[in-house]
Amino acid sequence: MVYKYDFLIIGAGVAGMSYALKVAREKKGSVCLICKTSLDEANTSFAQGGVASVTNLAVDNFDKHIEDTMIAGDYISDRAAVEQVVRMAPEQIKELVQWGVNFDKKDDGSFDLHREGGHSEFRILHHADDTGAEIQRGLMEAVRNNPDITVKENHFAVEIITQHHMGVRVTRRSPNIKCYGAYVLNPETEKVDTYLSKITVMCTGGCGAVYLTTSNPVIATGDGIAMVYRAKGTVQDMEFVQFHPTVLHNPKETHPAYLITEAMRGYGGILKLPNGETFMEKYDERLSLAPRDIVARAIDKEMKIHGIDHVCLDVTHKDPAETRHHFPNIYQKCLSMGIDITTDYIPVRPAAHYMCGGIKVDLNGQTSIERLYALGECSCTGLHGGNRLASNSLIEAVVYADTAARDSVKHVDLYDFNDKIPEWNDEGTMTNEEKVLITQSVREVNQIMANYVGIVRSDLRLHRAWDRLDMLYEETERLFKRVKASKDICELRNMINVGYLITRFALERKESRGLHYTIDYPVHAYDKK
């Protein structure tokens, strides 16, 4: 089957749905939203903490938020991207509210603001401790009620379409690579359909699922980054994988591990060893409110020093009623494991959480491939630099959805559908009966990334990861050419591609900077005398 849409959006988190609503409002063409599972299973739903925006002008201002972001990003961040996001944030918050998103407020009607690690002021808007789910709910309702948006749930994008699919040789040096849409797997027919578009937008989220333990859902397999990389698009900063310092330690739940929001440390939670000793004073004067990279490395080191599989977060000194009010979901989750957070320590450990790098884009979300935009976690705007400042990601997604929508609406009439694109050819392939091969390969990717490309790295470990991933790549490509396309094997291909990119970029950075820490180069390149 061949479908045609003016705007084809792949991914349905806060970035994809925001963009869809914005372009649909302009009535400039048909809009299709491709969703890998159901609308409510995006990474956005798992974000607990909140959205960073300057709203309390009595004590806060844009310059403070900009500087906090630059410091957290180890000054690798693109200042133009930082300024754009910070200055546009308040207006985008208003739009989220107009779409039906409810942020917690005080009795006087002002926003109930939290503070998180790395922020100099209270500027985190939230909805209890499930902000992402509330944003997803509000946007889902708006999207479902919009007759101008076609939603295709449980559809999986296999590849984006470029000149390559017309027999033209495309390399990383090829000028003017163009995106004409995507090949999309329909699970009901088990066929790969052709979706032609004038504008394609990649909003596929992150890639935490390449690691053994992650706060991300199992669907976060880096699909968009891998597809664009295979299409010879530019990716950037893939070495900067953010490990959230505090997920709930539960060996039975690793994909996703349950997140203990950073807001709990902003609320006054103190990191301790299981015996009650504090340790953050050894690592940073900001103690438990240091940026995530510092806290995650500190916990990792303490776990190795003491031979333990977790540390603890202590909020037992806080008012129990206030704790239950601010963190109702965390309270109930821990209680289901026999932990009362008002009287007991919370067992926590780091887990893969957020990709700061991704598909390189400009201030309008435009990639190096013409007619292709990338938004949200799969993109690299330059905002995060070496390390993401807490709660900057959701607002980044909404701001760039706005700039991309404005830019693409201006250009959509300049493009035509490319009717010369061939349909997907699976002639001679067969249904894969060896699912065990894919399952085992996924486990291997998880183990490789966890053991060799984790919080603390070395050239020896990275080279070992490279060799192991290369072997898996060859095996998987042979299998992919032999069998019919399925979600399982496509996700495996993407995970291997992303694992390779993280490893390659980590090997190329000959310094420790931001989230990338290597024992072979333990200081910044510019610190060397």
Protein backbone atom coordinates (compact mmCIF):
# COMPACT_ATOMS: atom_id res chain seq x y z
CA MET A 1 0.00 0.00 0.00
CA VAL A 2 1.08 3.58 -0.70
CA TYR A 3 -0.08 6.44 1.51
CA LYS A 4 0.50 10.15 1.02
CA TYR A 5 0.62 12.79 3.75
CA ASP A 6 1.99 16.31 3.66
CA PHE A 7 3.39 15.91 7.19
CA LEU A 8 4.57 12.47 8.34
CA ILE A 9 5.50 12.35 12.03
CA ILE A 10 7.28 9.26 13.33
CA GLY A 11 6.87 9.04 17.10
CA ALA A 12 4.15 10.22 19.43
CA GLY A 13 5.67 11.60 22.61
CA VAL A 14 5.51 15.25 23.65
CA ALA A 15 7.59 16.30 20.61
CA GLY A 16 5.57 14.42 18.00
CA MET A 17 2.15 15.32 19.37
CA SER A 18 3.07 18.98 19.95
CA TYR A 19 4.31 19.27 16.37
CA ALA A 20 1.20 17.51 15.01
CA LEU A 21 -1.12 19.89 16.85
CA LYS A 22 0.83 22.95 15.69
CA VAL A 23 0.91 22.06 11.98
CA ALA A 24 -2.70 20.82 11.99
CA ARG A 25 -3.73 24.21 13.36
CA GLU A 26 -2.23 25.90 10.30
CA LYS A 27 -4.37 23.81 7.86
CA LYS A 28 -1.48 23.52 5.42
CA GLY A 29 -1.95 19.85 4.56
CA SER A 30 -2.67 16.34 5.80
CA VAL A 31 -1.00 15.17 9.02
CA CYS A 32 -0.16 11.57 9.98
CA LEU A 33 1.25 10.48 13.32
CA ILE A 34 2.97 7.07 13.32
CA CYS A 35 3.07 5.49 16.77
CA LYS A 36 5.20 2.42 17.51
CA THR A 37 2.84 1.12 20.21
CA SER A 38 -0.09 3.03 21.68
CA LEU A 39 -0.14 6.78 22.25
CA ASP A 40 0.21 6.44 26.02
CA GLU A 41 3.45 4.41 25.99
CA ALA A 42 5.88 7.11 24.90
CA ASN A 43 8.97 7.97 26.94
CA THR A 44 7.21 11.18 27.93
CA SER A 45 4.85 9.20 30.16
CA PHE A 46 7.76 8.02 32.29
CA ALA A 47 9.07 11.51 33.09
CA GLN A 48 8.32 12.20 36.74
CA GLY A 49 10.13 15.37 37.69
CA GLY A 50 8.72 18.17 35.60
CA VAL A 51 9.33 20.96 33.11
CA ALA A 52 11.91 23.71 33.62
CA SER A 53 10.80 27.25 32.85
CA VAL A 54 11.38 30.69 34.34
CA THR A 55 8.01 31.71 35.78
CA ASN A 56 8.77 33.26 39.19
CA LEU A 57 10.26 36.56 38.01
CA ALA A 58 10.57 37.85 41.59
CA VAL A 59 13.67 35.69 42.11
CA ASP A 60 14.40 33.99 38.78
CA ASN A 61 15.38 35.17 35.30
CA PHE A 62 16.45 33.85 31.90
CA ASP A 63 20.15 34.54 32.50
CA LYS A 64 20.17 32.28 35.57
CA HIS A 65 18.49 29.42 33.69
CA ILE A 66 20.87 29.87 30.75
CA GLU A 67 23.94 29.79 33.00
CA ASP A 68 22.67 26.74 34.95
CA THR A 69 22.22 24.91 31.62
CA MET A 70 25.69 25.88 30.36
CA ILE A 71 27.32 24.76 33.63
CA ALA A 72 25.52 21.40 33.63
CA GLY A 73 26.47 20.87 29.98
CA ASP A 74 30.14 21.49 30.81
CA TYR A 75 30.09 24.44 28.39
CA ILE A 76 29.77 22.14 25.39
CA SER A 77 26.20 23.35 24.91
CA ASP A 78 25.33 25.56 21.95
CA ARG A 79 24.50 28.90 23.59
CA ALA A 80 22.11 29.87 20.77
CA ALA A 81 20.08 26.69 21.40
CA VAL A 82 20.15 27.28 25.15
CA GLU A 83 18.92 30.86 24.78
CA GLN A 84 16.17 29.82 22.36
CA VAL A 85 14.78 27.14 24.67
CA VAL A 86 15.01 29.21 27.87
CA ARG A 87 13.48 32.36 26.38
CA MET A 88 10.67 30.54 24.54
CA ALA A 89 9.81 28.27 27.46
CA PRO A 90 7.18 30.43 29.24
CA GLU A 91 5.10 30.86 26.08
CA GLN A 92 5.19 27.12 25.41
CA ILE A 93 4.10 26.41 29.00
CA LYS A 94 1.04 28.57 28.33
CA GLU A 95 0.28 26.50 25.24
CA LEU A 96 0.57 23.23 27.16
CA VAL A 97 -1.93 24.59 29.68
CA GLN A 98 -4.26 25.61 26.83
CA TRP A 99 -4.08 22.02 25.50
CA GLY A 100 -5.33 20.79 28.87
CA VAL A 101 -2.14 19.98 30.81
CA ASN A 102 -2.57 20.60 34.54
CA PHE A 103 0.44 21.74 36.56
CA ASP A 104 0.22 21.84 40.36
CA LYS A 105 -0.52 25.25 41.84
CA LYS A 106 -0.44 26.87 45.26
CA ASP A 107 -3.49 28.25 47.02
CA ASP A 108 -2.78 31.70 45.57
CA GLY A 109 -2.96 30.33 42.01
CA SER A 110 0.77 30.52 41.28
CA PHE A 111 2.69 27.46 40.10
CA ASP A 112 3.99 25.15 42.84
CA LEU A 113 7.62 25.11 41.75
CA HIS A 114 10.20 22.43 42.61
CA ARG A 115 13.97 22.71 42.52
CA GLU A 116 16.21 19.99 41.09
CA GLY A 117 19.93 19.27 40.90
CA GLY A 118 21.93 21.90 39.03
CA HIS A 119 19.19 24.56 39.18
CA SER A 120 19.96 27.72 41.14
CA GLU A 121 16.26 28.51 41.68
CA PHE A 122 12.89 26.83 42.10
CA ARG A 123 11.65 26.68 38.49
CA ILE A 124 10.32 23.15 37.91
CA LEU A 125 6.63 22.98 37.04
CA HIS A 126 5.16 19.60 37.86
CA HIS A 127 2.05 17.50 38.36
CA ALA A 128 2.68 15.61 41.62
CA ASP A 129 5.37 13.05 40.69
CA ASP A 130 3.96 12.00 37.30
CA THR A 131 4.39 15.14 35.19
CA GLY A 132 5.23 13.29 31.99
CA ALA A 133 2.09 11.18 32.22
CA GLU A 134 0.00 14.31 32.74
CA ILE A 135 1.54 16.04 29.72
CA GLN A 136 1.04 12.91 27.63
CA ARG A 137 -2.60 12.71 28.80
CA GLY A 138 -3.31 16.33 27.90
CA LEU A 139 -1.68 16.07 24.49
CA MET A 140 -3.31 12.70 23.71
CA GLU A 141 -6.72 14.16 24.41
CA ALA A 142 -6.00 17.13 22.15
CA VAL A 143 -4.66 14.90 19.35
CA ARG A 144 -7.53 12.40 19.50
CA ASN A 145 -10.03 15.26 19.39
CA ASN A 146 -8.38 16.82 16.33
CA PRO A 147 -10.02 15.54 13.11
CA ASP A 148 -7.11 16.82 11.02
CA ILE A 149 -4.59 14.40 12.56
CA THR A 150 -4.51 10.75 11.43
CA VAL A 151 -3.04 8.50 14.14
CA LYS A 152 -1.57 5.11 13.18
CA GLU A 153 -0.94 3.21 16.41
CA ASN A 154 1.14 0.01 16.53
CA HIS A 155 2.90 0.88 13.27
CA PHE A 156 6.68 0.64 13.04
CA ALA A 157 8.92 2.76 10.80
CA VAL A 158 11.55 0.51 9.21
CA GLU A 159 13.57 3.02 7.15
CA ILE A 160 13.28 6.59 5.91
CA ILE A 161 13.17 6.90 2.11
CA THR A 162 15.91 8.78 0.23
CA GLN A 163 17.46 8.76 -3.25
CA HIS A 164 19.18 5.54 -2.17
CA HIS A 165 15.89 3.69 -2.68
CA MET A 166 15.80 4.90 -6.28
CA GLY A 167 19.15 3.32 -7.07
CA VAL A 168 21.27 6.44 -6.46
CA ARG A 169 24.50 5.88 -4.55
CA VAL A 170 24.31 7.93 -1.35
CA THR A 171 27.33 8.44 0.94
CA ARG A 172 28.10 10.69 3.90
CA ARG A 173 29.67 13.13 1.45
CA SER A 174 26.65 13.22 -0.85
CA PRO A 175 25.14 16.71 -1.13
CA ASN A 176 21.40 17.33 -1.05
CA ILE A 177 20.19 14.04 0.41
CA LYS A 178 16.39 14.27 0.50
CA CYS A 179 13.79 12.43 2.56
CA TYR A 180 10.65 11.39 0.68
CA GLY A 181 8.86 9.59 3.51
CA ALA A 182 9.28 6.22 5.20
CA TYR A 183 8.68 2.50 4.86
CA VAL A 184 6.30 1.51 7.68
CA LEU A 185 5.42 -1.97 8.94
CA ASN A 186 1.70 -2.65 9.42
CA PRO A 187 1.40 -5.34 12.12
CA GLU A 188 -2.08 -6.44 10.99
CA THR A 189 -1.07 -7.26 7.42
CA GLU A 190 2.61 -7.91 8.30
CA LYS A 191 3.43 -5.89 5.20
CA VAL A 192 5.76 -2.91 4.85
CA ASP A 193 3.80 -0.01 3.36
CA THR A 194 5.15 3.08 1.61
CA TYR A 195 4.37 6.43 3.23
CA LEU A 196 5.23 9.33 0.94
CA SER A 197 5.47 12.78 2.49
CA LYS A 198 6.50 16.32 1.73
CA ILE A 199 7.87 16.79 5.25
CA THR A 200 9.02 13.98 7.57
CA VAL A 201 9.61 14.53 11.28
CA MET A 202 11.55 12.09 13.46
CA CYS A 203 10.31 12.06 17.06
CA THR A 204 11.22 8.52 18.11
CA GLY A 205 12.62 9.26 21.57
CA GLY A 206 15.67 7.82 23.24
CA CYS A 207 17.71 4.64 23.34
CA GLY A 208 17.96 3.61 27.00
CA ALA A 209 16.81 0.09 26.14
CA VAL A 210 20.27 -0.67 24.70
CA TYR A 211 21.43 -0.87 28.34
CA LEU A 212 20.69 -3.64 30.84
CA THR A 213 19.09 -1.33 33.38
CA THR A 214 17.22 1.77 32.24
CA SER A 215 14.44 4.10 33.30
CA ASN A 216 13.18 3.95 29.70
CA PRO A 217 10.44 1.64 28.43
CA VAL A 218 11.39 -1.36 26.27
CA ILE A 219 10.41 0.60 23.14
CA ALA A 220 13.30 3.09 23.59
CA THR A 221 15.59 1.33 21.10
CA GLY A 222 17.02 4.37 19.31
CA ASP A 223 15.04 3.78 16.12
CA GLY A 224 15.13 7.32 14.73
CA ILE A 225 18.85 7.85 15.36
CA ALA A 226 19.66 4.52 13.68
CA MET A 227 17.38 5.16 10.68
CA VAL A 228 18.86 8.60 10.03
CA TYR A 229 22.42 7.35 10.49
CA ARG A 230 21.81 4.53 7.99
CA ALA A 231 20.41 7.15 5.59
CA LYS A 232 23.76 8.99 5.91
CA GLY A 233 22.40 11.79 8.08
CA THR A 234 24.63 13.54 10.65
CA VAL A 235 24.57 12.49 14.30
CA GLN A 236 26.41 14.21 17.14
CA ASP A 237 27.45 13.85 20.82
CA MET A 238 26.45 10.18 21.12
CA GLU A 239 29.02 9.57 23.88
CA PHE A 240 26.92 11.63 26.30
CA VAL A 241 24.52 9.09 27.79
CA GLN A 242 22.93 10.36 30.97
CA PHE A 243 22.59 7.84 33.77
CA HIS A 244 19.94 8.88 36.25
CA PRO A 245 21.49 8.53 39.71
CA THR A 246 18.40 7.19 41.40
CA VAL A 247 16.16 4.47 40.07
CA LEU A 248 14.50 2.10 42.52
CA HIS A 249 16.73 -0.92 43.06
CA ASN A 250 14.60 -3.91 42.09
CA PRO A 251 16.34 -6.70 40.12
CA LYS A 252 12.94 -7.85 38.82
CA GLU A 253 12.31 -4.49 37.08
CA THR A 254 15.06 -3.31 34.75
CA HIS A 255 13.15 -2.28 31.56
CA PRO A 256 11.96 0.10 32.82
CA ALA A 257 13.44 0.48 36.26
CA TYR A 258 11.19 2.66 38.40
CA LEU A 259 12.46 6.23 38.54
CA ILE A 260 12.92 8.04 41.83
CA THR A 261 12.62 11.62 40.64
CA GLU A 262 15.36 14.17 41.18
CA ALA A 263 12.69 16.36 42.77
CA MET A 264 12.92 14.09 45.81
CA ARG A 265 16.50 15.28 46.37
CA GLY A 266 15.38 18.85 45.70
CA TYR A 267 12.75 18.26 48.39
CA GLY A 268 15.50 17.38 50.87
CA GLY A 269 16.31 13.73 50.26
CA ILE A 270 19.84 12.75 51.31
CA LEU A 271 21.96 10.07 49.66
CA LYS A 272 23.44 7.59 52.13
CA LEU A 273 25.07 4.19 52.30
CA PRO A 274 22.84 1.40 53.63
CA ASN A 275 24.53 1.83 57.04
CA GLY A 276 23.34 5.44 57.20
CA GLU A 277 26.64 7.17 56.36
CA THR A 278 26.53 10.11 53.93
CA PHE A 279 29.08 10.23 51.12
CA MET A 280 28.35 13.07 48.69
CA GLU A 281 30.52 15.48 50.71
CA LYS A 282 33.51 13.57 49.29
CA TYR A 283 32.55 14.44 45.73
CA ASP A 284 30.83 17.84 45.47
CA GLU A 285 30.00 20.79 47.71
CA ARG A 286 26.42 20.72 46.37
CA LEU A 287 26.05 17.30 48.03
CA SER A 288 22.93 15.42 46.90
CA LEU A 289 21.92 18.31 44.64
CA ALA A 290 24.99 18.12 42.42
CA PRO A 291 24.35 17.58 38.67
CA ARG A 292 23.42 14.07 37.59
CA ASP A 293 26.76 13.05 36.11
CA ILE A 294 28.59 13.81 39.35
CA VAL A 295 26.01 12.06 41.52
CA ALA A 296 25.81 8.99 39.27
CA ARG A 297 29.61 8.57 39.25
CA ALA A 298 29.76 9.05 43.02
CA ILE A 299 27.14 6.34 43.59
CA ASP A 300 28.87 4.04 41.10
CA LYS A 301 32.18 4.48 42.93
CA GLU A 302 30.65 3.92 46.37
CA MET A 303 28.94 0.74 45.15
CA LYS A 304 32.28 -0.56 43.85
CA ILE A 305 34.23 0.47 46.97
CA HIS A 306 31.81 -1.26 49.33
CA GLY A 307 30.80 -4.16 47.08
CA ILE A 308 27.09 -3.27 47.25
CA ASP A 309 24.42 -3.21 44.55
CA HIS A 310 22.68 -0.01 45.68
CA VAL A 311 22.85 3.02 47.95
CA CYS A 312 19.92 4.69 49.70
CA LEU A 313 17.89 7.88 49.56
CA ASP A 314 16.65 9.12 52.91
CA VAL A 315 13.55 11.32 53.32
CA THR A 316 12.60 9.98 56.77
CA HIS A 317 13.49 13.35 58.35
CA LYS A 318 10.79 15.11 56.32
CA ASP A 319 7.15 15.49 57.36
CA PRO A 320 5.40 12.19 56.45
CA ALA A 321 2.15 13.81 55.31
CA GLU A 322 4.05 16.27 53.11
CA THR A 323 6.12 13.44 51.58
CA ARG A 324 2.99 11.43 50.76
CA HIS A 325 1.38 14.55 49.24
CA HIS A 326 4.33 15.47 47.00
CA PHE A 327 5.25 11.93 45.94
CA PRO A 328 2.07 9.82 46.02
CA ASN A 329 3.08 7.44 43.23
CA ILE A 330 6.58 6.83 44.57
CA TYR A 331 5.10 6.29 48.04
CA GLN A 332 2.65 3.66 46.76
CA LYS A 333 5.25 1.96 44.55
CA CYS A 334 7.70 1.57 47.42
CA LEU A 335 4.93 0.49 49.76
CA SER A 336 4.10 -2.34 47.34
CA MET A 337 7.67 -3.58 47.95
CA GLY A 338 7.35 -3.31 51.71
CA ILE A 339 9.17 0.03 51.92
CA ASP A 340 7.51 2.96 53.73
CA ILE A 341 9.52 5.94 52.52
CA THR A 342 8.43 8.02 55.53
CA THR A 343 10.26 5.60 57.86
CA ASP A 344 12.55 3.53 55.61
CA TYR A 345 15.44 4.30 53.29
CA ILE A 346 14.74 3.97 49.55
CA PRO A 347 17.22 1.61 47.82
CA VAL A 348 18.50 3.35 44.68
CA ARG A 349 21.13 2.94 41.96
CA PRO A 350 22.00 4.61 38.62
CA ALA A 351 20.44 3.52 35.33
CA ALA A 352 20.62 4.63 31.70
CA HIS A 353 18.17 7.49 31.38
CA TYR A 354 18.64 10.05 28.62
CA MET A 355 20.59 10.50 25.38
CA CYS A 356 22.03 14.02 25.15
CA GLY A 357 23.27 13.43 21.61
CA GLY A 358 21.38 12.25 18.57
CA ILE A 359 20.42 13.49 15.11
CA LYS A 360 22.11 16.85 14.60
CA VAL A 361 19.61 19.67 13.95
CA ASP A 362 19.64 23.45 13.59
CA LEU A 363 17.53 25.94 15.54
CA ASN A 364 14.47 24.94 13.47
CA GLY A 365 14.92 21.22 14.07
CA GLN A 366 16.11 20.68 10.47
CA THR A 367 18.52 17.77 10.00
CA SER A 368 21.35 17.43 7.48
CA ILE A 369 18.85 15.63 5.21
CA GLU A 370 16.48 17.93 3.31
CA ARG A 371 12.76 17.72 4.17
CA LEU A 372 13.60 15.83 7.39
CA TYR A 373 13.27 17.31 10.88
CA ALA A 374 14.10 15.68 14.22
CA LEU A 375 12.62 16.64 17.58
CA GLY A 376 12.81 15.50 21.18
CA GLU A 377 15.28 13.01 22.60
CA CYS A 378 16.30 11.53 19.23
CA SER A 379 17.63 14.95 18.17
CA CYS A 380 20.77 16.79 19.19
CA THR A 381 19.91 20.48 19.37
CA GLY A 382 23.04 21.45 21.29
CA LEU A 383 20.98 22.39 24.36
CA HIS A 384 22.32 19.69 26.64
CA GLY A 385 25.99 19.67 25.67
CA GLY A 386 27.88 17.22 27.86
CA ASN A 387 25.09 16.67 30.37
CA ARG A 388 21.38 17.45 30.48
CA LEU A 389 20.16 19.78 33.21
CA ALA A 390 17.21 18.17 34.98
CA SER A 391 13.76 18.88 33.46
CA ASN A 392 15.14 20.69 30.40
CA SER A 393 14.16 17.89 28.00
CA LEU A 394 10.37 18.23 27.97
CA ILE A 395 10.51 21.97 27.39
CA GLU A 396 13.16 21.48 24.67
CA ALA A 397 10.78 19.12 22.85
CA VAL A 398 7.91 21.62 22.92
CA VAL A 399 10.05 24.62 21.92
CA TYR A 400 11.60 22.81 18.96
CA ALA A 401 8.20 21.45 17.94
CA ASP A 402 7.18 25.09 17.67
CA THR A 403 10.20 26.28 15.65
CA ALA A 404 10.05 23.20 13.39
CA ALA A 405 6.32 23.66 12.80
CA ARG A 406 6.80 27.31 11.84
CA ASP A 407 9.66 26.47 9.49
CA SER A 408 8.09 23.42 7.83
CA VAL A 409 4.73 25.13 7.30
CA LYS A 410 6.58 27.87 5.40
CA HIS A 411 8.28 25.31 3.12
CA VAL A 412 5.75 22.49 2.66
CA ASP A 413 4.24 24.00 -0.51
CA LEU A 414 7.67 24.01 -2.16
CA TYR A 415 7.80 20.20 -2.17
CA ASP A 416 6.01 17.50 -4.14
CA PHE A 417 5.44 13.83 -3.45
CA ASN A 418 7.98 11.58 -5.16
CA ASP A 419 5.85 9.04 -7.01
CA LYS A 420 8.90 7.21 -8.38
CA ILE A 421 9.68 5.58 -5.04
CA PRO A 422 9.51 1.77 -5.32
CA GLU A 423 7.47 -0.23 -2.85
CA TRP A 424 9.26 -2.36 -0.23
CA ASN A 425 10.69 -5.50 -1.78
CA ASP A 426 10.65 -8.61 0.42
CA GLU A 427 10.59 -11.12 -2.41
CA GLY A 428 12.45 -14.30 -1.56
CA THR A 429 12.42 -13.70 2.19
CA MET A 430 10.73 -15.95 4.72
CA THR A 431 9.05 -15.64 8.07
CA ASN A 432 11.61 -15.81 10.84
CA GLU A 433 11.19 -18.93 12.94
CA GLU A 434 14.33 -18.30 14.95
CA LYS A 435 13.10 -15.65 17.40
CA VAL A 436 15.51 -17.03 19.99
CA LEU A 437 18.40 -15.62 17.94
CA ILE A 438 16.98 -12.10 18.20
CA THR A 439 16.18 -12.44 21.91
CA GLN A 440 19.69 -13.66 22.67
CA SER A 441 21.29 -10.89 20.59
CA VAL A 442 19.28 -8.23 22.47
CA ARG A 443 20.59 -9.67 25.75
CA GLU A 444 24.12 -9.53 24.39
CA VAL A 445 23.75 -5.87 23.38
CA ASN A 446 22.44 -5.06 26.88
CA GLN A 447 25.36 -6.84 28.55
CA ILE A 448 27.98 -5.28 26.25
CA MET A 449 26.71 -1.75 26.83
CA ALA A 450 26.32 -2.21 30.59
CA ASN A 451 29.74 -3.80 31.11
CA TYR A 452 31.89 -1.81 28.68
CA VAL A 453 30.14 1.48 27.80
CA GLY A 454 28.65 2.50 31.16
CA ILE A 455 29.19 5.32 33.64
CA VAL A 456 32.97 4.81 33.84
CA ARG A 457 34.78 3.80 30.63
CA SER A 458 38.22 2.87 29.33
CA ASP A 459 39.69 2.40 25.88
CA LEU A 460 40.14 -1.31 26.58
CA ARG A 461 36.46 -1.75 27.45
CA LEU A 462 35.31 0.39 24.53
CA HIS A 463 37.39 -1.57 22.01
CA ARG A 464 35.99 -4.80 23.39
CA ALA A 465 32.45 -3.41 22.99
CA TRP A 466 33.29 -2.36 19.41
CA ASP A 467 34.49 -5.86 18.50
CA ARG A 468 31.47 -7.59 20.07
CA LEU A 469 28.99 -5.21 18.46
CA ASP A 470 30.65 -5.62 15.07
CA MET A 471 30.14 -9.37 15.27
CA LEU A 472 26.47 -8.92 16.22
CA TYR A 473 26.03 -6.41 13.39
CA GLU A 474 27.27 -8.87 10.76
CA GLU A 475 25.08 -11.67 12.11
CA THR A 476 21.99 -9.48 12.30
CA GLU A 477 22.38 -7.98 8.83
CA ARG A 478 22.62 -11.46 7.35
CA LEU A 479 19.44 -12.46 9.18
CA PHE A 480 17.64 -9.23 8.19
CA LYS A 481 18.28 -9.89 4.49
CA ARG A 482 16.96 -13.44 4.81
CA VAL A 483 13.69 -12.89 6.70
CA LYS A 484 10.62 -10.68 6.42
CA ALA A 485 10.81 -7.38 8.28
CA SER A 486 9.46 -7.56 11.81
CA LYS A 487 9.48 -5.13 14.72
CA ASP A 488 11.80 -7.44 16.69
CA ILE A 489 14.58 -7.65 14.14
CA CYS A 490 14.31 -3.98 13.18
CA GLU A 491 14.66 -2.96 16.83
CA LEU A 492 17.69 -5.22 17.21
CA ARG A 493 19.33 -3.62 14.15
CA ASN A 494 18.67 -0.19 15.61
CA MET A 495 20.03 -1.13 19.05
CA ILE A 496 23.25 -2.44 17.50
CA ASN A 497 23.60 0.73 15.37
CA VAL A 498 23.10 2.99 18.39
CA GLY A 499 25.42 0.93 20.59
CA TYR A 500 28.09 1.25 17.91
CA LEU A 501 27.60 5.03 17.70
CA ILE A 502 27.85 5.51 21.48
CA THR A 503 31.02 3.40 21.52
CA ARG A 504 32.60 5.13 18.52
CA PHE A 505 31.95 8.63 19.81
CA ALA A 506 33.25 7.62 23.25
CA LEU A 507 36.49 6.35 21.71
CA GLU A 508 36.92 9.55 19.71
CA ARG A 509 36.65 11.87 22.73
CA LYS A 510 40.11 11.86 24.29
CA GLU A 511 39.11 13.55 27.54
CA SER A 512 36.65 13.15 30.39
CA ARG A 513 33.90 15.68 29.91
CA GLY A 514 30.32 15.88 31.11
CA LEU A 515 28.71 12.46 31.08
CA HIS A 516 31.69 10.82 29.35
CA TYR A 517 34.22 9.69 31.94
CA THR A 518 37.18 7.52 30.96
CA ILE A 519 40.01 6.34 33.20
CA ASP A 520 42.42 6.74 30.26
CA TYR A 521 41.77 10.49 30.00
CA PRO A 522 40.50 11.52 33.46
CA VAL A 523 40.71 15.30 32.88
CA HIS A 524 39.45 17.80 30.30
CA ALA A 525 41.68 18.18 27.26
CA TYR A 526 41.99 21.89 28.07
CA ASP A 527 43.17 21.10 31.62
CA LYS A 528 46.33 19.41 30.35
CA LYS A 529 49.47 21.48 30.71
